[in-house]
Amino acid sequence: MLKQSAKLTKTVLLSGMLAASSAAIAQEEMQYGITPPQVNAQTYILMDYYSGAVLAALNPDQRQYPASLTKMMTSYVVGQALRQGKIHNTDMVTIGESAWGRNFPDSSKMFLNLNQQVSVQDLNKGVIIVSGNDASVALAEHTSGTVLNFVDTMNQYVQQFGLKNTNFTTPHGLDDPNQYSSARDMAIIGAHIIRDTPEEYKIYAEKEFTFNKIKQPNRNGLLWDKTMNVDGMKTGHTSQAGYNLVASATNPSNMRLISVVMGVPTYKGREVESKKLLQWGFANFETLKTLEANKEVSEQPVYYGDEGSVKLGVLQDSFITVPKGKKAELKARYELDNKYLQAPLAKGQVVGKVIYQLDGKDVAVVNLQAMQEVKEGGFFGNAWDWLVLTVKSLF
């Protein structure tokens, strides 16, 4: 277990402590002096999926036209509706005027015909694999009744994810002055798709889709690259947006990276720049499991409670990302928010933090949580605890 000194903190080596951990972690832009590659994009980001660490970035919060990257949120909304049983893959959708393929000339589409009956499963593939604007409208109407309602749900998830530079006005992503996103926000949306809708994410790896006897390839050319294991995600392009690509890949160590490039000048360039980032990330960093869910880090006394102590740890696994070869140098300490813990405490309540340090710098923080509920104690016990704390406060 991590130890704590009388001053609330103590640094200890993590040797042998590395296990597993998650979303409670805060690990932002990393300052390790490792120069990222030159990337020809208006904005980009490279993020570790498990730790959330940003390994490299250029203008990551700059608002851009997302183009068809918008469909990532469209597919997320659909994936959640499927999980919740609001819609089903076997539902047959009648294609109306608004989703008719003829309404989207000179843009990507599934080639839906008016009054055609199409399954939700096929429409979903039409959105993800071939970036169908027509399929996006058809799914939006089927899922939420109207496109307006669907877009409202998209923006509810924007708020839920804490995205600061994203607003959607359409389910397909054709340019609109009020529709924008950023490289950082798109990486976060991508991570949510992988984590929250794994069945949905499998579709992103499919290389082609045939509908109405029309065979179309997935526009993410990195799926065919045999030098790396790319299994998603999404391309986007309009004249104002330039060429965009969100890509995700894993390596043999089960590290997963998400790259986003936006505003690349050429079709092929978005693949070239994304590959640069992914290969650089895998070559220079590794992701380590740190705190394991429900595994005790420390046990601390509790005052005014029906229990005399509480176990502290994390309720979800967490990870951190460090430069390769630095694992043995990683140190950690924990700090409590208050010197003396007092009931009531709810299970999962944040009572402190674990801070990871490398080369004398803090590189990541994980919330330290109460692993059990501690209710308020009785009158006599509370009176004794008051006396104990009063005496301690004198020293």
Protein backbone atom coordinates (compact mmCIF):
# COMPACT_ATOMS: atom_id res chain seq x y z
CA MET A 1 0.00 0.00 0.00
CA LEU A 2 1.02 3.61 -0.44
CA LYS A 3 2.12 5.22 2.79
CA GLN A 4 1.31 8.64 4.16
CA SER A 5 3.53 10.77 6.36
CA ALA A 6 2.48 13.03 9.22
CA LYS A 7 2.43 15.89 6.71
CA LEU A 8 -0.29 14.12 4.72
CA THR A 9 2.05 13.11 1.89
CA LYS A 10 4.95 10.78 1.30
CA THR A 11 6.63 9.73 -1.95
CA VAL A 12 7.22 6.02 -2.50
CA LEU A 13 8.45 3.91 -5.40
CA LEU A 14 5.73 2.05 -7.27
CA SER A 15 7.86 -1.01 -8.05
CA GLY A 16 5.53 -4.04 -8.01
CA MET A 17 2.44 -1.90 -7.37
CA LEU A 18 1.50 -1.46 -10.98
CA ALA A 19 -1.87 -3.10 -11.49
CA ALA A 20 -4.88 -1.47 -13.28
CA SER A 21 -6.93 1.92 -13.32
CA SER A 22 -9.23 4.62 -15.23
CA ALA A 23 -11.43 7.62 -15.75
CA ALA A 24 -10.58 9.20 -12.40
CA ILE A 25 -7.17 10.02 -13.80
CA ALA A 26 -6.09 13.47 -14.91
CA GLN A 27 -3.10 13.40 -17.24
CA GLU A 28 -2.90 16.30 -19.65
CA GLU A 29 -0.28 17.46 -22.16
CA MET A 30 2.93 15.67 -21.32
CA GLN A 31 6.17 17.62 -20.91
CA TYR A 32 8.93 15.06 -21.42
CA GLY A 33 11.04 16.82 -24.01
CA ILE A 34 10.21 14.25 -26.71
CA THR A 35 9.76 16.19 -29.92
CA PRO A 36 6.65 15.15 -31.89
CA PRO A 37 6.78 14.80 -35.67
CA GLN A 38 6.00 17.68 -38.01
CA VAL A 39 2.31 17.37 -38.89
CA ASN A 40 0.74 19.22 -41.80
CA ALA A 41 -2.65 20.01 -40.28
CA GLN A 42 -4.41 23.09 -38.94
CA THR A 43 -4.94 21.25 -35.66
CA TYR A 44 -4.17 17.80 -34.28
CA ILE A 45 -3.99 15.73 -31.13
CA LEU A 46 -2.59 12.35 -30.08
CA MET A 47 -4.24 10.90 -26.99
CA ASP A 48 -3.78 7.67 -25.07
CA TYR A 49 -7.15 5.93 -24.81
CA TYR A 50 -6.66 4.36 -21.39
CA SER A 51 -4.96 7.18 -19.48
CA GLY A 52 -6.35 10.14 -21.39
CA ALA A 53 -2.81 11.53 -21.63
CA VAL A 54 -2.23 13.99 -24.46
CA LEU A 55 1.10 12.98 -26.01
CA ALA A 56 1.22 15.66 -28.71
CA ALA A 57 -1.05 18.48 -29.86
CA LEU A 58 -1.28 21.59 -32.01
CA ASN A 59 -4.17 23.99 -31.41
CA PRO A 60 -6.21 21.10 -29.94
CA ASP A 61 -9.06 23.38 -28.77
CA GLN A 62 -9.34 25.39 -31.97
CA ARG A 63 -12.88 25.25 -33.37
CA GLN A 64 -13.10 23.67 -36.81
CA TYR A 65 -15.77 22.47 -39.18
CA PRO A 66 -16.02 18.76 -38.27
CA ALA A 67 -17.52 17.64 -41.61
CA SER A 68 -18.38 13.91 -41.45
CA LEU A 69 -16.56 13.45 -38.14
CA THR A 70 -19.99 14.61 -36.91
CA LYS A 71 -21.24 11.11 -37.73
CA MET A 72 -19.20 9.75 -34.83
CA MET A 73 -21.64 11.42 -32.46
CA THR A 74 -24.52 10.33 -34.67
CA SER A 75 -23.40 6.72 -34.35
CA TYR A 76 -22.89 7.17 -30.60
CA VAL A 77 -26.47 8.35 -30.13
CA VAL A 78 -27.73 5.44 -32.24
CA GLY A 79 -25.50 2.98 -30.35
CA GLN A 80 -26.86 4.15 -27.01
CA ALA A 81 -30.44 3.95 -28.27
CA LEU A 82 -29.75 0.36 -29.35
CA ARG A 83 -28.24 -0.50 -25.97
CA GLN A 84 -31.22 1.00 -24.17
CA GLY A 85 -33.71 -0.90 -26.35
CA LYS A 86 -35.28 2.26 -27.76
CA ILE A 87 -34.59 1.01 -31.28
CA HIS A 88 -33.45 -2.35 -32.68
CA ASN A 89 -31.14 -3.43 -35.48
CA THR A 90 -34.04 -5.31 -37.07
CA ASP A 91 -36.32 -2.24 -37.22
CA MET A 92 -37.30 -1.45 -40.81
CA VAL A 93 -37.19 2.25 -41.68
CA THR A 94 -39.19 3.71 -44.56
CA ILE A 95 -37.09 6.26 -46.41
CA GLY A 96 -38.89 9.59 -46.69
CA GLU A 97 -38.22 12.71 -48.75
CA SER A 98 -35.74 14.17 -46.25
CA ALA A 99 -33.48 11.09 -46.31
CA TRP A 100 -33.71 10.44 -50.05
CA GLY A 101 -30.27 10.12 -51.60
CA ARG A 102 -31.17 12.64 -54.31
CA ASN A 103 -31.16 15.37 -51.66
CA PHE A 104 -27.40 15.00 -51.21
CA PRO A 105 -25.79 15.59 -54.62
CA ASP A 106 -21.99 15.61 -54.79
CA SER A 107 -21.63 14.29 -51.24
CA SER A 108 -21.17 10.92 -49.59
CA LYS A 109 -24.29 8.80 -49.36
CA MET A 110 -25.66 5.31 -49.08
CA PHE A 111 -27.86 5.78 -52.17
CA LEU A 112 -31.19 5.34 -50.42
CA ASN A 113 -34.32 5.31 -52.58
CA LEU A 114 -37.58 7.04 -51.74
CA ASN A 115 -40.04 4.77 -49.84
CA GLN A 116 -37.43 2.00 -49.61
CA GLN A 117 -37.51 -0.20 -46.49
CA VAL A 118 -34.08 -0.38 -44.87
CA SER A 119 -33.01 -1.98 -41.58
CA VAL A 120 -31.42 0.04 -38.79
CA GLN A 121 -28.42 -2.29 -39.02
CA ASP A 122 -27.84 -1.41 -42.67
CA LEU A 123 -28.41 2.30 -42.07
CA ASN A 124 -25.88 2.20 -39.26
CA LYS A 125 -23.29 0.68 -41.58
CA GLY A 126 -24.23 3.29 -44.14
CA VAL A 127 -23.37 6.02 -41.65
CA ILE A 128 -20.14 4.55 -40.28
CA ILE A 129 -18.56 2.73 -43.23
CA VAL A 130 -19.57 4.85 -46.23
CA SER A 131 -20.39 8.11 -44.43
CA GLY A 132 -23.90 8.34 -45.83
CA ASN A 133 -25.55 11.72 -45.31
CA ASP A 134 -28.86 10.17 -46.35
CA ALA A 135 -28.46 7.33 -43.85
CA SER A 136 -27.70 9.83 -41.09
CA VAL A 137 -31.00 11.63 -41.63
CA ALA A 138 -32.97 8.38 -41.84
CA LEU A 139 -31.48 7.12 -38.57
CA ALA A 140 -31.97 10.46 -36.84
CA GLU A 141 -35.66 10.51 -37.70
CA HIS A 142 -36.19 6.89 -36.70
CA THR A 143 -34.31 7.27 -33.40
CA SER A 144 -35.74 10.59 -32.21
CA GLY A 145 -38.80 11.33 -34.35
CA THR A 146 -37.24 14.40 -35.94
CA VAL A 147 -33.77 15.52 -36.92
CA LEU A 148 -34.12 18.46 -34.53
CA ASN A 149 -34.80 16.15 -31.59
CA PHE A 150 -31.88 13.93 -32.59
CA VAL A 151 -29.47 16.88 -32.78
CA ASP A 152 -30.67 17.95 -29.34
CA THR A 153 -29.67 14.51 -28.03
CA MET A 154 -26.27 14.84 -29.73
CA ASN A 155 -25.68 18.10 -27.87
CA GLN A 156 -26.86 16.59 -24.59
CA TYR A 157 -24.00 14.11 -24.91
CA VAL A 158 -21.68 17.02 -25.72
CA GLN A 159 -22.58 18.49 -22.33
CA GLN A 160 -22.33 15.11 -20.60
CA PHE A 161 -18.82 14.56 -21.97
CA GLY A 162 -17.76 18.05 -20.86
CA LEU A 163 -16.81 19.14 -24.38
CA LYS A 164 -15.98 22.85 -24.48
CA ASN A 165 -15.65 23.49 -28.20
CA THR A 166 -18.35 21.39 -29.87
CA ASN A 167 -21.86 22.12 -31.09
CA PHE A 168 -23.86 20.09 -33.58
CA THR A 169 -26.65 21.33 -35.84
CA THR A 170 -26.91 18.33 -38.18
CA PRO A 171 -26.49 14.54 -37.93
CA HIS A 172 -24.32 14.41 -41.08
CA GLY A 173 -21.82 17.26 -40.74
CA LEU A 174 -22.32 19.33 -43.86
CA ASP A 175 -20.95 22.80 -43.14
CA ASP A 176 -23.02 25.08 -40.94
CA PRO A 177 -21.67 28.23 -39.22
CA ASN A 178 -23.03 27.03 -35.88
CA GLN A 179 -21.59 23.51 -36.18
CA TYR A 180 -18.06 23.08 -34.90
CA SER A 181 -15.76 20.85 -32.92
CA SER A 182 -12.08 20.54 -31.99
CA ALA A 183 -9.39 17.90 -32.20
CA ARG A 184 -9.49 17.35 -28.43
CA ASP A 185 -13.28 17.01 -28.36
CA MET A 186 -13.26 14.56 -31.26
CA ALA A 187 -10.67 12.40 -29.50
CA ILE A 188 -12.90 12.33 -26.44
CA ILE A 189 -15.95 11.37 -28.52
CA GLY A 190 -13.88 8.61 -30.10
CA ALA A 191 -12.87 7.28 -26.69
CA HIS A 192 -16.52 7.21 -25.59
CA ILE A 193 -17.51 5.23 -28.68
CA ILE A 194 -14.80 2.63 -28.00
CA ARG A 195 -15.63 2.40 -24.29
CA ASP A 196 -19.41 2.82 -24.19
CA THR A 197 -20.58 1.22 -27.45
CA PRO A 198 -18.12 -1.61 -28.25
CA GLU A 199 -20.53 -3.34 -30.64
CA GLU A 200 -20.89 -0.07 -32.52
CA TYR A 201 -17.13 0.34 -32.66
CA LYS A 202 -16.66 -3.00 -34.40
CA ILE A 203 -18.41 -1.53 -37.45
CA TYR A 204 -15.69 1.12 -37.79
CA ALA A 205 -13.19 -1.60 -38.74
CA GLU A 206 -15.27 -2.93 -41.66
CA LYS A 207 -13.56 -2.14 -44.95
CA GLU A 208 -16.53 -2.04 -47.31
CA PHE A 209 -20.29 -2.02 -47.53
CA THR A 210 -22.60 -3.01 -50.38
CA PHE A 211 -26.13 -1.64 -50.63
CA ASN A 212 -28.49 -1.43 -53.62
CA LYS A 213 -25.80 -3.40 -55.49
CA ILE A 214 -23.40 -0.48 -54.99
CA LYS A 215 -20.13 -1.47 -53.30
CA GLN A 216 -18.29 1.30 -51.46
CA PRO A 217 -15.03 1.14 -49.49
CA ASN A 218 -14.49 2.57 -46.04
CA ARG A 219 -12.86 5.97 -46.57
CA ASN A 220 -10.34 5.35 -43.75
CA GLY A 221 -7.42 4.09 -45.82
CA LEU A 222 -5.38 3.23 -42.71
CA LEU A 223 -7.54 0.14 -42.25
CA TRP A 224 -5.53 -1.42 -45.10
CA ASP A 225 -2.13 -0.43 -43.67
CA LYS A 226 -0.33 -3.65 -42.68
CA THR A 227 2.40 -1.88 -40.71
CA MET A 228 0.01 -1.02 -37.87
CA ASN A 229 -3.22 -2.26 -36.32
CA VAL A 230 -5.74 0.50 -37.07
CA ASP A 231 -9.33 -0.57 -36.31
CA GLY A 232 -11.16 2.78 -36.70
CA MET A 233 -12.42 5.48 -36.88
CA LYS A 234 -13.82 8.18 -39.22
CA THR A 235 -12.98 10.52 -42.06
CA GLY A 236 -14.50 13.87 -42.95
CA HIS A 237 -14.18 16.41 -45.73
CA THR A 238 -15.83 19.56 -47.01
CA SER A 239 -14.34 22.47 -48.92
CA GLN A 240 -14.33 24.59 -45.74
CA ALA A 241 -13.22 21.86 -43.33
CA GLY A 242 -10.40 20.43 -45.40
CA TYR A 243 -9.58 16.77 -44.82
CA ASN A 244 -10.15 15.34 -41.34
CA LEU A 245 -9.42 11.93 -39.84
CA VAL A 246 -9.89 10.35 -36.43
CA ALA A 247 -7.86 7.14 -36.22
CA SER A 248 -7.38 4.59 -33.46
CA ALA A 249 -4.82 1.81 -33.28
CA THR A 250 -3.41 -0.73 -30.84
CA ASN A 251 0.04 -2.29 -30.49
CA PRO A 252 1.14 -5.73 -29.20
CA SER A 253 1.34 -4.31 -25.65
CA ASN A 254 -2.40 -3.51 -25.77
CA MET A 255 -1.70 0.20 -25.75
CA ARG A 256 -4.39 2.12 -27.68
CA LEU A 257 -3.88 5.56 -29.17
CA ILE A 258 -6.39 7.94 -30.74
CA SER A 259 -5.16 10.52 -33.25
CA VAL A 260 -7.15 13.40 -34.73
CA VAL A 261 -6.00 15.57 -37.62
CA MET A 262 -8.21 18.37 -38.93
CA GLY A 263 -7.76 20.79 -41.79
CA VAL A 264 -5.25 18.68 -43.73
CA PRO A 265 -4.90 19.98 -47.32
CA THR A 266 -5.10 16.64 -49.19
CA TYR A 267 -7.10 13.41 -49.17
CA LYS A 268 -4.05 11.16 -48.78
CA GLY A 269 -2.36 13.61 -46.45
CA ARG A 270 -4.76 12.96 -43.59
CA GLU A 271 -3.66 9.31 -43.58
CA VAL A 272 0.04 10.19 -43.83
CA GLU A 273 -0.16 12.69 -40.94
CA SER A 274 -2.24 10.35 -38.76
CA LYS A 275 0.21 7.51 -39.30
CA LYS A 276 3.12 9.76 -38.31
CA LEU A 277 1.45 10.55 -35.01
CA LEU A 278 0.44 6.98 -34.19
CA GLN A 279 3.84 5.49 -35.01
CA TRP A 280 5.62 8.20 -33.01
CA GLY A 281 3.36 7.57 -30.02
CA PHE A 282 3.90 3.82 -30.00
CA ALA A 283 7.66 4.24 -30.46
CA ASN A 284 8.14 6.66 -27.58
CA PHE A 285 5.55 5.86 -24.88
CA GLU A 286 4.02 3.04 -22.90
CA THR A 287 0.84 2.85 -20.83
CA LEU A 288 1.04 1.37 -17.35
CA LYS A 289 -1.66 0.03 -15.09
CA THR A 290 -1.45 1.76 -11.72
CA LEU A 291 -4.28 1.40 -9.21
CA GLU A 292 -6.58 -1.59 -9.42
CA ALA A 293 -10.30 -1.17 -8.91
CA ASN A 294 -11.49 -2.04 -5.39
CA LYS A 295 -7.94 -2.76 -4.20
CA GLU A 296 -7.00 -1.00 -0.96
CA VAL A 297 -4.37 1.74 -1.18
CA SER A 298 -4.61 2.85 2.45
CA GLU A 299 -6.79 2.44 5.52
CA GLN A 300 -7.52 5.61 7.47
CA PRO A 301 -9.31 6.34 10.77
CA VAL A 302 -12.78 7.90 10.53
CA TYR A 303 -14.32 10.11 13.19
CA TYR A 304 -18.02 10.48 14.07
CA GLY A 305 -18.83 7.26 12.18
CA ASP A 306 -20.33 3.84 12.82
CA GLU A 307 -16.97 2.41 11.68
CA GLY A 308 -13.60 3.32 13.12
CA SER A 309 -11.74 3.23 9.81
CA VAL A 310 -12.28 3.27 6.04
CA LYS A 311 -10.39 1.64 3.19
CA LEU A 312 -9.28 4.00 0.45
CA GLY A 313 -8.63 3.17 -3.20
CA VAL A 314 -10.34 3.56 -6.59
CA LEU A 315 -13.60 2.08 -7.84
CA GLN A 316 -12.40 2.00 -11.46
CA ASP A 317 -9.07 0.86 -12.84
CA SER A 318 -6.67 3.66 -13.84
CA PHE A 319 -3.69 3.93 -16.18
CA ILE A 320 -0.91 6.42 -16.83
CA THR A 321 1.31 6.93 -19.85
CA VAL A 322 5.06 7.48 -19.52
CA PRO A 323 8.07 7.56 -21.86
CA LYS A 324 9.41 4.11 -22.64
CA GLY A 325 12.00 2.92 -20.17
CA LYS A 326 10.81 5.20 -17.35
CA LYS A 327 8.56 2.73 -15.51
CA ALA A 328 11.08 1.98 -12.74
CA GLU A 329 11.54 5.70 -12.02
CA LEU A 330 7.85 6.40 -11.45
CA LYS A 331 6.97 7.53 -7.93
CA ALA A 332 3.65 8.11 -6.20
CA ARG A 333 2.30 9.79 -3.11
CA TYR A 334 -1.16 10.36 -1.78
CA GLU A 335 -2.74 13.37 -0.17
CA LEU A 336 -5.97 13.59 1.82
CA ASP A 337 -8.25 16.57 1.31
CA ASN A 338 -8.70 16.82 5.10
CA LYS A 339 -6.28 15.75 7.79
CA TYR A 340 -9.01 13.84 9.66
CA LEU A 341 -11.77 11.98 7.81
CA GLN A 342 -15.23 12.48 9.25
CA ALA A 343 -18.49 10.59 8.67
CA PRO A 344 -20.75 10.38 6.87
CA LEU A 345 -18.79 9.08 3.86
CA ALA A 346 -20.47 7.68 0.76
CA LYS A 347 -18.96 4.80 -1.18
CA GLY A 348 -16.97 6.34 -4.00
CA GLN A 349 -16.69 9.73 -2.32
CA VAL A 350 -13.45 11.49 -3.24
CA VAL A 351 -11.38 12.10 -0.12
CA GLY A 352 -7.95 12.79 -1.61
CA LYS A 353 -5.71 12.07 -4.54
CA VAL A 354 -2.80 9.91 -5.65
CA ILE A 355 -0.13 11.94 -7.42
CA TYR A 356 2.38 10.35 -9.80
CA GLN A 357 5.79 11.90 -10.29
CA LEU A 358 8.56 11.42 -12.81
CA ASP A 359 11.88 13.27 -12.96
CA GLY A 360 10.71 15.50 -10.13
CA LYS A 361 7.55 16.59 -11.93
CA ASP A 362 3.93 15.65 -11.21
CA VAL A 363 2.65 13.86 -14.33
CA ALA A 364 -0.76 12.46 -13.34
CA VAL A 365 -3.39 12.60 -10.61
CA VAL A 366 -5.99 9.99 -9.62
CA ASN A 367 -8.89 10.68 -7.27
CA LEU A 368 -8.65 8.64 -4.06
CA GLN A 369 -12.06 7.32 -3.04
CA ALA A 370 -13.75 5.79 -0.02
CA MET A 371 -14.30 2.14 -0.90
CA GLN A 372 -17.19 1.69 1.54
CA GLU A 373 -19.98 3.71 3.07
CA VAL A 374 -19.47 5.00 6.62
CA LYS A 375 -22.63 6.24 8.33
CA GLU A 376 -22.81 8.64 11.24
CA GLY A 377 -22.15 7.07 14.63
CA GLY A 378 -24.14 7.24 17.86
CA PHE A 379 -24.11 9.96 20.50
CA PHE A 380 -21.54 8.43 22.85
CA GLY A 381 -19.16 7.45 20.07
CA ASN A 382 -19.38 10.94 18.56
CA ALA A 383 -18.72 12.54 21.94
CA TRP A 384 -15.58 10.45 22.35
CA ASP A 385 -14.41 11.30 18.83
CA TRP A 386 -14.96 14.98 19.56
CA LEU A 387 -12.76 14.66 22.63
CA VAL A 388 -10.05 12.81 20.68
CA LEU A 389 -10.01 15.41 17.88
CA THR A 390 -9.99 18.26 20.39
CA VAL A 391 -6.92 16.79 22.08
CA LYS A 392 -5.18 16.14 18.72
CA SER A 393 -5.80 19.70 17.61
CA LEU A 394 -3.74 20.91 20.57
CA PHE A 395 -0.60 19.24 19.22
